């Protein structure tokens, strides 16, 4: 698994959602089109596991969270950035999503849930904010951020 191969894999998803509003309708669409346990979901989860093993994904760590920006916003993935985190029973730093956030939740151990949600897609609309939380185990969470926009706060 190389960064270029990973980008091609993600481009399949971003090409499908490019231009769609970042809202709960998008969440429903993603969960139907790229469901947890489906071939695309399995391919992304396997790619993340291999990339972490290879050392180029989730290469930084702070506060019990392994993280890293994997792809900066670019035309090849339709203006999204891609970040991947590995979290286990931890609450992350509060942040806001000026343009929204599209999350792919990939449980690894236990009954891992991200912000209370099991495997699959979760979409936060523009202007939303949260403290990302994984409970019940360990998970990878892939974040698609339109134009890479994220604002960390002090809450």
N, C-alpha and C. Protein backbone atom coordinates (compact mmCIF):
# COMPACT_ATOMS: atom_id res chain seq x y z
N UNK A 1 0.85 -1.18 0.00
CA UNK A 1 0.00 0.00 0.00
C UNK A 1 0.89 1.24 0.00
N UNK A 2 0.73 2.06 -1.00
CA UNK A 2 1.48 3.31 -1.10
C UNK A 2 0.52 4.49 -0.94
N UNK A 3 1.04 5.67 -0.62
CA UNK A 3 0.15 6.84 -0.56
C UNK A 3 -0.60 7.07 -1.88
N UNK A 4 0.04 6.80 -3.00
CA UNK A 4 -0.61 7.00 -4.30
C UNK A 4 -1.76 6.01 -4.51
N UNK A 5 -1.53 4.76 -4.13
CA UNK A 5 -2.58 3.74 -4.23
C UNK A 5 -3.75 4.08 -3.31
N UNK A 6 -3.42 4.56 -2.11
CA UNK A 6 -4.46 4.95 -1.16
C UNK A 6 -5.28 6.10 -1.72
N UNK A 7 -4.62 7.08 -2.31
CA UNK A 7 -5.34 8.22 -2.90
C UNK A 7 -6.29 7.76 -3.99
N UNK A 8 -5.87 6.81 -4.81
CA UNK A 8 -6.74 6.28 -5.86
C UNK A 8 -7.97 5.60 -5.26
N UNK A 9 -7.78 4.88 -4.17
CA UNK A 9 -8.88 4.22 -3.48
C UNK A 9 -9.88 5.25 -2.94
N UNK A 10 -9.38 6.30 -2.33
CA UNK A 10 -10.24 7.35 -1.77
C UNK A 10 -10.93 8.14 -2.89
N UNK A 11 -10.24 8.34 -4.00
CA UNK A 11 -10.82 9.09 -5.12
C UNK A 11 -12.10 8.44 -5.64
N UNK A 12 -12.19 7.14 -5.54
CA UNK A 12 -13.43 6.45 -5.95
C UNK A 12 -14.61 6.94 -5.12
N UNK A 13 -14.38 7.14 -3.83
CA UNK A 13 -15.45 7.62 -2.95
C UNK A 13 -15.72 9.10 -3.18
N UNK A 14 -14.65 9.91 -3.21
CA UNK A 14 -14.87 11.35 -3.35
C UNK A 14 -15.47 11.72 -4.70
N UNK A 15 -15.16 10.95 -5.75
CA UNK A 15 -15.77 11.21 -7.06
C UNK A 15 -17.28 11.01 -6.99
N UNK A 16 -17.71 10.09 -6.17
CA UNK A 16 -19.14 9.79 -6.04
C UNK A 16 -19.88 10.88 -5.29
N UNK A 17 -19.19 11.56 -4.35
CA UNK A 17 -19.88 12.54 -3.50
C UNK A 17 -19.53 13.99 -3.82
N UNK A 18 -18.62 14.20 -4.76
CA UNK A 18 -18.21 15.57 -5.10
C UNK A 18 -19.42 16.43 -5.44
N UNK A 19 -19.49 17.60 -4.81
CA UNK A 19 -20.57 18.54 -5.08
C UNK A 19 -21.83 18.30 -4.27
N UNK A 20 -21.92 17.19 -3.55
CA UNK A 20 -23.12 16.93 -2.74
C UNK A 20 -23.05 17.74 -1.44
N UNK A 21 -24.20 18.21 -0.94
CA UNK A 21 -24.19 18.90 0.35
C UNK A 21 -23.70 17.97 1.47
N UNK A 22 -22.95 18.53 2.40
CA UNK A 22 -22.43 17.76 3.53
C UNK A 22 -23.50 17.80 4.62
N UNK A 23 -24.37 16.79 4.61
CA UNK A 23 -25.50 16.76 5.53
C UNK A 23 -25.93 15.31 5.80
N UNK A 24 -27.01 15.13 6.51
CA UNK A 24 -27.49 13.79 6.87
C UNK A 24 -27.93 13.00 5.64
N UNK A 25 -28.35 13.66 4.57
CA UNK A 25 -28.67 12.93 3.34
C UNK A 25 -27.41 12.29 2.75
N UNK A 26 -26.29 13.00 2.85
CA UNK A 26 -25.02 12.45 2.39
C UNK A 26 -24.64 11.24 3.25
N UNK A 27 -24.86 11.35 4.55
CA UNK A 27 -24.58 10.23 5.45
C UNK A 27 -25.38 8.99 5.03
N UNK A 28 -26.66 9.17 4.78
CA UNK A 28 -27.50 8.04 4.36
C UNK A 28 -27.01 7.47 3.03
N UNK A 29 -26.66 8.34 2.10
CA UNK A 29 -26.16 7.91 0.80
C UNK A 29 -24.88 7.08 0.94
N UNK A 30 -23.93 7.58 1.73
CA UNK A 30 -22.66 6.87 1.92
C UNK A 30 -22.87 5.51 2.58
N UNK A 31 -23.75 5.46 3.58
CA UNK A 31 -24.00 4.19 4.26
C UNK A 31 -24.69 3.19 3.35
N UNK A 32 -25.43 3.68 2.36
CA UNK A 32 -26.05 2.77 1.39
C UNK A 32 -25.07 2.38 0.29
N UNK A 33 -24.34 3.35 -0.24
CA UNK A 33 -23.45 3.11 -1.39
C UNK A 33 -22.15 2.42 -1.00
N UNK A 34 -21.60 2.77 0.18
CA UNK A 34 -20.33 2.20 0.66
C UNK A 34 -20.54 1.66 2.08
N UNK A 35 -21.38 0.64 2.26
CA UNK A 35 -21.78 0.19 3.60
C UNK A 35 -20.64 -0.46 4.38
N UNK A 36 -20.77 -0.39 5.71
CA UNK A 36 -19.85 -1.11 6.58
C UNK A 36 -19.92 -2.59 6.21
N UNK A 37 -18.77 -3.20 6.06
CA UNK A 37 -18.74 -4.61 5.68
C UNK A 37 -18.75 -4.85 4.19
N UNK A 38 -19.03 -3.81 3.39
CA UNK A 38 -19.01 -3.92 1.94
C UNK A 38 -17.58 -3.96 1.41
N UNK A 39 -17.44 -4.24 0.13
CA UNK A 39 -16.10 -4.39 -0.47
C UNK A 39 -15.27 -3.11 -0.37
N UNK A 40 -15.87 -1.95 -0.64
CA UNK A 40 -15.12 -0.70 -0.57
C UNK A 40 -14.69 -0.39 0.87
N UNK A 41 -15.60 -0.63 1.81
CA UNK A 41 -15.29 -0.43 3.23
C UNK A 41 -14.12 -1.32 3.63
N UNK A 42 -14.19 -2.59 3.27
CA UNK A 42 -13.12 -3.53 3.60
C UNK A 42 -11.80 -3.11 2.96
N UNK A 43 -11.85 -2.62 1.73
CA UNK A 43 -10.63 -2.19 1.04
C UNK A 43 -9.99 -1.00 1.75
N UNK A 44 -10.78 -0.03 2.17
CA UNK A 44 -10.23 1.13 2.87
C UNK A 44 -9.68 0.71 4.23
N UNK A 45 -10.41 -0.13 4.96
CA UNK A 45 -9.94 -0.58 6.27
C UNK A 45 -8.63 -1.35 6.14
N UNK A 46 -8.54 -2.23 5.16
CA UNK A 46 -7.31 -3.00 4.95
C UNK A 46 -6.16 -2.08 4.54
N UNK A 47 -6.45 -1.09 3.71
CA UNK A 47 -5.43 -0.14 3.28
C UNK A 47 -4.91 0.66 4.47
N UNK A 48 -5.81 1.09 5.35
CA UNK A 48 -5.38 1.83 6.55
C UNK A 48 -4.50 0.95 7.43
N UNK A 49 -4.92 -0.29 7.66
CA UNK A 49 -4.13 -1.19 8.50
C UNK A 49 -2.74 -1.40 7.92
N UNK A 50 -2.65 -1.59 6.62
CA UNK A 50 -1.35 -1.80 5.99
C UNK A 50 -0.50 -0.53 6.05
N UNK A 51 -1.11 0.62 5.80
CA UNK A 51 -0.37 1.88 5.82
C UNK A 51 0.15 2.20 7.22
N UNK A 52 -0.63 1.89 8.25
CA UNK A 52 -0.17 2.08 9.63
C UNK A 52 1.01 1.15 9.89
N UNK A 53 0.87 -0.10 9.47
CA UNK A 53 1.95 -1.07 9.65
C UNK A 53 3.22 -0.62 8.92
N UNK A 54 3.03 -0.04 7.72
CA UNK A 54 4.16 0.43 6.93
C UNK A 54 4.78 1.73 7.47
N UNK A 55 4.05 2.39 8.38
CA UNK A 55 4.61 3.56 9.06
C UNK A 55 4.34 4.91 8.45
N UNK A 56 3.53 4.99 7.40
CA UNK A 56 3.28 6.32 6.82
C UNK A 56 1.89 6.87 7.14
N UNK A 57 1.08 6.12 7.87
CA UNK A 57 -0.23 6.60 8.30
C UNK A 57 -0.28 6.54 9.82
N UNK A 58 -0.92 7.54 10.42
CA UNK A 58 -1.02 7.65 11.88
C UNK A 58 0.37 7.63 12.52
N UNK A 59 1.30 8.33 11.90
CA UNK A 59 2.69 8.31 12.33
C UNK A 59 2.98 9.22 13.52
N UNK A 60 2.04 10.10 13.86
CA UNK A 60 2.23 10.99 15.01
C UNK A 60 1.31 10.53 16.15
N UNK A 61 1.65 10.91 17.38
CA UNK A 61 0.82 10.53 18.52
C UNK A 61 0.82 11.65 19.55
N UNK A 62 -0.36 11.88 20.11
CA UNK A 62 -0.51 12.86 21.19
C UNK A 62 -1.76 12.49 21.99
N UNK A 63 -1.61 12.45 23.29
CA UNK A 63 -2.75 12.19 24.15
C UNK A 63 -3.42 10.84 23.90
N UNK A 64 -2.65 9.85 23.49
CA UNK A 64 -3.21 8.53 23.25
C UNK A 64 -3.88 8.37 21.90
N UNK A 65 -3.74 9.38 21.04
CA UNK A 65 -4.34 9.33 19.71
C UNK A 65 -3.21 9.33 18.68
N UNK A 66 -3.24 8.36 17.80
CA UNK A 66 -2.31 8.33 16.68
C UNK A 66 -3.04 9.00 15.52
N UNK A 67 -2.33 9.87 14.77
CA UNK A 67 -3.03 10.66 13.75
C UNK A 67 -2.08 11.10 12.65
N UNK A 68 -2.66 11.67 11.63
CA UNK A 68 -1.89 12.28 10.57
C UNK A 68 -2.75 12.64 9.38
N UNK A 69 -2.39 13.73 8.73
CA UNK A 69 -3.04 14.10 7.47
C UNK A 69 -2.39 13.26 6.38
N UNK A 70 -3.18 12.45 5.73
CA UNK A 70 -2.67 11.51 4.72
C UNK A 70 -2.62 12.17 3.35
N UNK A 71 -3.64 12.98 3.05
CA UNK A 71 -3.71 13.66 1.74
C UNK A 71 -4.21 15.08 1.97
N UNK A 72 -3.47 16.04 1.45
CA UNK A 72 -3.92 17.43 1.49
C UNK A 72 -5.01 17.61 0.43
N UNK A 73 -5.85 18.65 0.59
CA UNK A 73 -6.90 18.87 -0.41
C UNK A 73 -6.27 19.02 -1.80
N UNK A 74 -6.85 18.31 -2.76
CA UNK A 74 -6.30 18.37 -4.12
C UNK A 74 -7.39 17.99 -5.12
N UNK A 75 -7.22 18.38 -6.38
CA UNK A 75 -8.22 18.05 -7.40
C UNK A 75 -8.44 16.55 -7.57
N UNK A 76 -7.39 15.75 -7.35
CA UNK A 76 -7.51 14.30 -7.56
C UNK A 76 -8.53 13.66 -6.62
N UNK A 77 -8.75 14.28 -5.45
CA UNK A 77 -9.79 13.78 -4.55
C UNK A 77 -10.86 14.85 -4.31
N UNK A 78 -11.04 15.67 -5.34
CA UNK A 78 -12.18 16.60 -5.42
C UNK A 78 -12.22 17.63 -4.30
N UNK A 79 -11.04 18.10 -3.87
CA UNK A 79 -10.95 19.19 -2.91
C UNK A 79 -11.06 18.76 -1.46
N UNK A 80 -11.15 17.47 -1.20
CA UNK A 80 -11.18 16.99 0.18
C UNK A 80 -9.75 16.78 0.67
N UNK A 81 -9.57 16.83 1.99
CA UNK A 81 -8.35 16.32 2.60
C UNK A 81 -8.73 15.01 3.27
N UNK A 82 -7.71 14.21 3.57
CA UNK A 82 -7.94 12.95 4.27
C UNK A 82 -7.02 12.90 5.48
N UNK A 83 -7.64 12.73 6.65
CA UNK A 83 -6.91 12.49 7.88
C UNK A 83 -7.36 11.13 8.40
N UNK A 84 -6.46 10.41 9.04
CA UNK A 84 -6.81 9.14 9.67
C UNK A 84 -6.27 9.16 11.09
N UNK A 85 -7.12 8.73 12.02
CA UNK A 85 -6.72 8.62 13.42
C UNK A 85 -6.94 7.19 13.89
N UNK A 86 -6.17 6.81 14.88
CA UNK A 86 -6.39 5.55 15.59
C UNK A 86 -6.62 5.93 17.04
N UNK A 87 -7.79 5.55 17.56
CA UNK A 87 -8.18 5.94 18.91
C UNK A 87 -8.70 4.71 19.66
N UNK A 88 -8.44 4.66 20.96
CA UNK A 88 -8.96 3.59 21.80
C UNK A 88 -9.43 4.18 23.12
N UNK A 89 -10.73 4.15 23.34
CA UNK A 89 -11.32 4.62 24.60
C UNK A 89 -10.74 5.96 25.03
N UNK A 90 -10.88 6.94 24.16
CA UNK A 90 -10.29 8.25 24.42
C UNK A 90 -11.17 9.35 23.83
N UNK A 91 -11.09 10.52 24.44
CA UNK A 91 -11.78 11.71 23.94
C UNK A 91 -10.73 12.63 23.35
N UNK A 92 -10.94 13.02 22.11
CA UNK A 92 -9.99 13.87 21.41
C UNK A 92 -10.25 15.35 21.63
N UNK A 93 -9.43 16.20 21.01
CA UNK A 93 -9.55 17.65 21.18
C UNK A 93 -10.78 18.22 20.47
N UNK A 94 -11.40 19.18 21.14
CA UNK A 94 -12.59 19.84 20.56
C UNK A 94 -12.18 20.57 19.29
N UNK A 95 -13.01 20.44 18.27
CA UNK A 95 -12.75 21.16 17.02
C UNK A 95 -14.06 21.40 16.27
N UNK A 96 -14.00 22.37 15.37
CA UNK A 96 -15.15 22.75 14.55
C UNK A 96 -14.87 22.42 13.09
N UNK A 97 -15.95 22.25 12.36
CA UNK A 97 -15.89 21.89 10.94
C UNK A 97 -16.54 23.00 10.11
N UNK A 98 -15.76 23.98 9.66
CA UNK A 98 -16.36 25.09 8.89
C UNK A 98 -17.16 24.62 7.67
N UNK A 99 -16.66 23.58 6.99
CA UNK A 99 -17.33 23.08 5.79
C UNK A 99 -17.93 21.69 5.98
N UNK A 100 -17.94 21.21 7.22
CA UNK A 100 -18.45 19.88 7.53
C UNK A 100 -17.33 18.86 7.64
N UNK A 101 -17.70 17.67 8.08
CA UNK A 101 -16.74 16.57 8.25
C UNK A 101 -17.46 15.27 7.91
N UNK A 102 -16.80 14.44 7.14
CA UNK A 102 -17.34 13.14 6.71
C UNK A 102 -16.44 12.07 7.30
N UNK A 103 -16.99 11.24 8.19
CA UNK A 103 -16.20 10.28 8.94
C UNK A 103 -16.52 8.85 8.52
N UNK A 104 -15.50 8.06 8.33
CA UNK A 104 -15.64 6.62 8.10
C UNK A 104 -15.10 5.92 9.34
N UNK A 105 -15.98 5.22 10.04
CA UNK A 105 -15.65 4.56 11.31
C UNK A 105 -15.33 3.10 11.03
N UNK A 106 -14.11 2.70 11.43
CA UNK A 106 -13.64 1.34 11.18
C UNK A 106 -13.19 0.71 12.49
N UNK A 107 -14.09 0.02 13.22
CA UNK A 107 -13.71 -0.61 14.49
C UNK A 107 -12.63 -1.66 14.29
N UNK A 108 -11.71 -1.73 15.26
CA UNK A 108 -10.61 -2.68 15.22
C UNK A 108 -10.69 -3.71 16.35
N UNK A 109 -11.12 -3.27 17.52
CA UNK A 109 -11.21 -4.15 18.69
C UNK A 109 -12.43 -3.79 19.51
N UNK A 110 -13.00 -4.81 20.15
CA UNK A 110 -14.16 -4.60 21.02
C UNK A 110 -15.36 -4.14 20.22
N UNK A 111 -16.24 -3.43 20.90
CA UNK A 111 -17.42 -2.84 20.26
C UNK A 111 -17.16 -1.35 20.08
N UNK A 112 -16.05 -1.04 19.42
CA UNK A 112 -15.62 0.36 19.27
C UNK A 112 -16.69 1.19 18.56
N UNK A 113 -16.94 2.34 19.14
CA UNK A 113 -17.89 3.30 18.57
C UNK A 113 -17.24 4.67 18.56
N UNK A 114 -17.56 5.41 17.51
CA UNK A 114 -17.05 6.77 17.38
C UNK A 114 -18.23 7.70 17.58
N UNK A 115 -18.14 8.57 18.58
CA UNK A 115 -19.24 9.46 18.94
C UNK A 115 -20.55 8.68 19.05
N UNK A 116 -20.44 7.47 19.62
CA UNK A 116 -21.60 6.62 19.86
C UNK A 116 -22.06 5.81 18.66
N UNK A 117 -21.38 5.93 17.54
CA UNK A 117 -21.80 5.26 16.30
C UNK A 117 -20.91 4.08 15.97
N UNK A 118 -21.51 2.99 15.47
CA UNK A 118 -20.72 1.80 15.09
C UNK A 118 -20.10 2.00 13.70
N UNK A 119 -19.55 0.92 13.16
CA UNK A 119 -18.91 0.96 11.84
C UNK A 119 -19.83 1.60 10.80
N UNK A 120 -19.23 2.39 9.93
CA UNK A 120 -19.97 3.05 8.86
C UNK A 120 -19.63 4.52 8.78
N UNK A 121 -20.53 5.27 8.18
CA UNK A 121 -20.32 6.68 7.91
C UNK A 121 -21.10 7.56 8.88
N UNK A 122 -20.50 8.68 9.25
CA UNK A 122 -21.12 9.70 10.09
C UNK A 122 -20.75 11.04 9.47
N UNK A 123 -21.74 11.89 9.27
CA UNK A 123 -21.51 13.20 8.64
C UNK A 123 -21.93 14.31 9.59
N UNK A 124 -21.01 15.25 9.80
CA UNK A 124 -21.29 16.48 10.53
C UNK A 124 -21.37 17.61 9.51
N UNK A 125 -22.41 18.40 9.58
CA UNK A 125 -22.61 19.48 8.62
C UNK A 125 -21.71 20.68 8.88
N UNK A 126 -21.69 21.61 7.94
CA UNK A 126 -20.90 22.83 8.09
C UNK A 126 -21.26 23.57 9.38
N UNK A 127 -20.24 24.07 10.07
CA UNK A 127 -20.44 24.83 11.30
C UNK A 127 -20.59 23.97 12.54
N UNK A 128 -20.56 22.65 12.40
CA UNK A 128 -20.70 21.77 13.57
C UNK A 128 -19.37 21.68 14.32
N UNK A 129 -19.43 21.14 15.53
CA UNK A 129 -18.23 20.97 16.35
C UNK A 129 -18.44 19.80 17.29
N UNK A 130 -17.34 19.20 17.74
CA UNK A 130 -17.44 18.09 18.70
C UNK A 130 -16.08 17.79 19.31
N UNK A 131 -16.11 16.90 20.32
CA UNK A 131 -14.92 16.28 20.88
C UNK A 131 -14.96 14.84 20.41
N UNK A 132 -14.17 14.48 19.41
CA UNK A 132 -14.24 13.12 18.87
C UNK A 132 -13.92 12.09 19.96
N UNK A 133 -14.80 11.09 20.06
CA UNK A 133 -14.71 10.13 21.15
C UNK A 133 -14.84 8.71 20.63
N UNK A 134 -13.88 7.88 20.97
CA UNK A 134 -14.00 6.45 20.70
C UNK A 134 -14.18 5.76 22.04
N UNK A 135 -15.23 4.94 22.12
CA UNK A 135 -15.52 4.19 23.33
C UNK A 135 -15.74 2.72 22.98
N UNK A 136 -15.54 1.86 23.95
CA UNK A 136 -15.82 0.44 23.76
C UNK A 136 -14.78 -0.33 22.99
N UNK A 137 -13.62 0.26 22.75
CA UNK A 137 -12.58 -0.46 22.01
C UNK A 137 -11.68 0.47 21.24
N UNK A 138 -11.11 -0.06 20.17
CA UNK A 138 -10.15 0.68 19.34
C UNK A 138 -10.68 0.76 17.92
N UNK A 139 -10.45 1.91 17.27
CA UNK A 139 -10.94 2.10 15.90
C UNK A 139 -10.03 3.04 15.12
N UNK A 140 -10.07 2.87 13.81
CA UNK A 140 -9.57 3.88 12.89
C UNK A 140 -10.77 4.73 12.52
N UNK A 141 -10.54 6.03 12.38
CA UNK A 141 -11.56 6.93 11.84
C UNK A 141 -10.88 7.74 10.74
N UNK A 142 -11.46 7.68 9.55
CA UNK A 142 -10.98 8.45 8.41
C UNK A 142 -11.88 9.67 8.28
N UNK A 143 -11.26 10.84 8.19
CA UNK A 143 -11.98 12.11 8.07
C UNK A 143 -11.78 12.68 6.68
N UNK A 144 -12.86 12.94 5.98
CA UNK A 144 -12.82 13.72 4.75
C UNK A 144 -13.26 15.12 5.12
N UNK A 145 -12.40 16.10 4.88
CA UNK A 145 -12.71 17.49 5.19
C UNK A 145 -12.74 18.31 3.91
N UNK A 146 -13.89 18.88 3.55
CA UNK A 146 -13.94 19.73 2.36
C UNK A 146 -12.94 20.89 2.49
N UNK A 147 -12.07 21.02 1.52
CA UNK A 147 -11.00 22.02 1.48
C UNK A 147 -10.06 21.90 2.68
N UNK A 148 -10.10 20.78 3.39
CA UNK A 148 -9.19 20.56 4.51
C UNK A 148 -9.48 21.41 5.73
N UNK A 149 -10.65 22.04 5.76
CA UNK A 149 -10.97 23.01 6.81
C UNK A 149 -11.31 22.35 8.14
N UNK A 150 -10.56 22.73 9.18
CA UNK A 150 -10.81 22.29 10.56
C UNK A 150 -10.27 23.37 11.46
N UNK A 151 -10.97 23.62 12.57
CA UNK A 151 -10.55 24.64 13.53
C UNK A 151 -10.54 24.04 14.91
N UNK A 152 -9.35 23.90 15.50
CA UNK A 152 -9.26 23.38 16.86
C UNK A 152 -9.55 24.51 17.83
N UNK A 153 -10.30 24.18 18.88
CA UNK A 153 -10.74 25.18 19.86
C UNK A 153 -10.18 24.80 21.23
N UNK A 154 -10.41 25.64 22.23
CA UNK A 154 -9.88 25.40 23.58
C UNK A 154 -10.96 24.91 24.53
N UNK A 155 -12.07 24.41 24.05
CA UNK A 155 -13.14 23.93 24.94
C UNK A 155 -12.79 22.62 25.56
